[in-house]
């Protein structure tokens, strides 16, 4: 089931070329799915931040904002942005060094076409949506729960 998109957010999605829009819609659906499946996250607020779709845990304040975009310097990718003052992207890089592509300390990049590491991104989204909750006391245990056992 797809979450209804507000007019402002829908307008931004409609402005992307077809393949970019398709990939970003896949990521958007994954964000809502992870939010539904992750205890303590609650309903997400979808809005625009800096003219880009953004997802906030406004009701529970459990997590850090996730934003979606299409970076001008990497037109072959879409970006999943995280607040750069968190340690989220550094943590993702430590855990998923080879599975994902990164842009500094602020974004995970996904190819517009072809395969992408959905499982790794799912865990990154879960960590972002529970960032404040984990930081308040259970950070290491939360990360351990998200990493698949070998």
Protein backbone atom coordinates (compact mmCIF):
# COMPACT_ATOMS: atom_id res chain seq x y z
CA UNK A 1 0.00 0.00 0.00
CA UNK A 2 1.37 3.37 -1.01
CA UNK A 3 1.17 6.38 1.30
CA UNK A 4 -0.72 9.39 -0.09
CA UNK A 5 1.59 12.18 -1.21
CA UNK A 6 0.81 15.83 -0.49
CA UNK A 7 0.41 18.16 -3.47
CA UNK A 8 3.71 19.98 -2.83
CA UNK A 9 5.70 16.76 -2.53
CA UNK A 10 3.89 15.21 -5.51
CA UNK A 11 4.79 18.28 -7.57
CA UNK A 12 8.48 17.79 -6.79
CA UNK A 13 8.31 14.10 -7.72
CA UNK A 14 6.53 14.98 -10.98
CA UNK A 15 9.39 17.34 -11.84
CA UNK A 16 11.94 14.52 -11.97
CA UNK A 17 12.62 12.60 -15.20
CA UNK A 18 10.83 9.22 -15.29
CA UNK A 19 13.72 6.93 -14.22
CA UNK A 20 14.77 9.31 -11.42
CA UNK A 21 11.19 9.58 -10.19
CA UNK A 22 10.76 5.80 -10.31
CA UNK A 23 13.87 5.17 -8.18
CA UNK A 24 12.97 7.91 -5.69
CA UNK A 25 9.44 6.50 -5.39
CA UNK A 26 10.97 3.09 -4.60
CA UNK A 27 13.09 4.67 -1.86
CA UNK A 28 10.09 6.63 -0.55
CA UNK A 29 8.05 3.43 -0.31
CA UNK A 30 10.93 1.76 1.54
CA UNK A 31 11.11 4.64 4.05
CA UNK A 32 7.41 4.27 4.88
CA UNK A 33 7.71 0.48 5.05
CA UNK A 34 10.66 0.65 7.46
CA UNK A 35 8.81 3.22 9.58
CA UNK A 36 5.78 0.91 9.82
CA UNK A 37 7.96 -2.09 10.68
CA UNK A 38 10.17 -0.38 13.26
CA UNK A 39 8.95 -0.18 16.84
CA UNK A 40 8.76 3.30 18.29
CA UNK A 41 8.98 5.26 15.03
CA UNK A 42 5.30 6.07 14.61
CA UNK A 43 3.74 7.94 11.71
CA UNK A 44 6.05 9.90 9.44
CA UNK A 45 5.60 13.49 8.38
CA UNK A 46 6.31 14.02 4.68
CA UNK A 47 7.20 17.58 3.78
CA UNK A 48 9.67 19.60 1.75
CA UNK A 49 13.06 20.68 3.09
CA UNK A 50 15.23 22.79 0.78
CA UNK A 51 12.73 22.01 -1.97
CA UNK A 52 13.23 18.24 -1.63
CA UNK A 53 10.99 15.51 -0.17
CA UNK A 54 11.82 14.97 3.51
CA UNK A 55 10.65 12.42 6.07
CA UNK A 56 10.49 13.28 9.77
CA UNK A 57 9.50 11.40 12.88
CA UNK A 58 7.62 14.46 14.15
CA UNK A 59 5.11 12.48 16.24
CA UNK A 60 7.67 10.47 18.24
CA UNK A 61 10.88 12.42 17.59
CA UNK A 62 12.63 9.03 17.49
CA UNK A 63 14.76 9.75 14.47
CA UNK A 64 16.68 12.07 12.24
CA UNK A 65 15.31 13.62 9.04
CA UNK A 66 15.78 11.73 5.77
CA UNK A 67 15.65 13.73 2.54
CA UNK A 68 15.54 12.57 -1.09
CA UNK A 69 17.11 14.26 -4.09
CA UNK A 70 18.89 14.07 -7.40
CA UNK A 71 22.44 15.44 -7.04
CA UNK A 72 23.64 17.67 -9.87
CA UNK A 73 27.20 16.36 -9.56
CA UNK A 74 26.03 12.71 -9.90
CA UNK A 75 23.18 12.72 -12.43
CA UNK A 76 23.44 8.91 -12.71
CA UNK A 77 22.33 8.54 -9.07
CA UNK A 78 19.66 9.56 -6.62
CA UNK A 79 20.61 10.63 -3.12
CA UNK A 80 19.24 9.70 0.27
CA UNK A 81 20.40 12.56 2.49
CA UNK A 82 20.95 12.40 6.23
CA UNK A 83 21.82 15.25 8.58
CA UNK A 84 25.60 15.65 8.25
CA UNK A 85 26.12 16.53 11.91
CA UNK A 86 25.04 13.02 12.92
CA UNK A 87 27.32 10.00 12.73
CA UNK A 88 24.83 8.16 10.53
CA UNK A 89 26.69 8.13 7.20
CA UNK A 90 29.99 7.31 8.93
CA UNK A 91 28.25 4.39 10.65
CA UNK A 92 26.71 3.23 7.37
CA UNK A 93 30.13 3.39 5.72
CA UNK A 94 31.64 1.27 8.53
CA UNK A 95 28.91 -1.37 8.27
CA UNK A 96 28.16 -1.33 4.53
CA UNK A 97 31.47 -0.17 3.03
CA UNK A 98 31.14 -2.13 -0.19
CA UNK A 99 27.37 -2.35 -0.49
CA UNK A 100 26.58 1.36 -0.86
CA UNK A 101 28.05 4.46 -2.49
CA UNK A 102 28.41 7.62 -0.39
CA UNK A 103 28.73 11.36 -0.79
CA UNK A 104 30.75 12.78 2.11
CA UNK A 105 29.03 12.58 5.47
CA UNK A 106 25.62 13.46 4.15
CA UNK A 107 24.29 10.98 1.59
CA UNK A 108 23.93 7.46 0.35
CA UNK A 109 23.87 7.35 -3.45
CA UNK A 110 21.84 4.81 -5.40
CA UNK A 111 22.04 4.14 -9.12
CA UNK A 112 19.03 5.37 -11.06
CA UNK A 113 18.92 2.16 -13.04
CA UNK A 114 19.93 -1.38 -12.22
CA UNK A 115 20.45 -3.23 -8.98
CA UNK A 116 20.81 -1.51 -5.63
CA UNK A 117 21.46 -2.75 -2.10
CA UNK A 118 17.90 -2.55 -0.78
CA UNK A 119 18.65 -4.61 2.34
CA UNK A 120 21.56 -2.36 3.34
CA UNK A 121 19.54 0.80 2.67
CA UNK A 122 16.63 -0.64 4.67
CA UNK A 123 18.93 -0.94 7.69
CA UNK A 124 20.34 2.57 7.16
CA UNK A 125 16.81 3.98 7.08
CA UNK A 126 15.96 2.09 10.27
CA UNK A 127 19.01 3.54 12.01
CA UNK A 128 18.08 7.06 10.89
CA UNK A 129 14.45 6.71 11.97
CA UNK A 130 15.58 5.60 15.45
CA UNK A 131 18.67 7.82 15.74
CA UNK A 132 17.51 9.97 18.69
CA UNK A 133 15.98 7.01 20.48
CA UNK A 134 19.19 4.99 20.09
CA UNK A 135 21.40 7.94 21.03
CA UNK A 136 19.43 8.34 24.26
CA UNK A 137 20.47 4.96 25.55
CA UNK A 138 20.46 1.92 23.36
CA UNK A 139 22.65 2.95 20.41
CA UNK A 140 24.97 -0.02 20.26
CA UNK A 141 22.23 -2.56 20.90
CA UNK A 142 20.07 -0.98 18.17
CA UNK A 143 22.87 -1.20 15.61
CA UNK A 144 23.60 -4.80 16.63
CA UNK A 145 19.92 -5.74 16.09
CA UNK A 146 20.02 -4.31 12.57
CA UNK A 147 23.19 -6.08 11.42
CA UNK A 148 22.37 -9.52 10.06
CA UNK A 149 24.05 -12.34 11.92
CA UNK A 150 26.55 -14.42 10.00
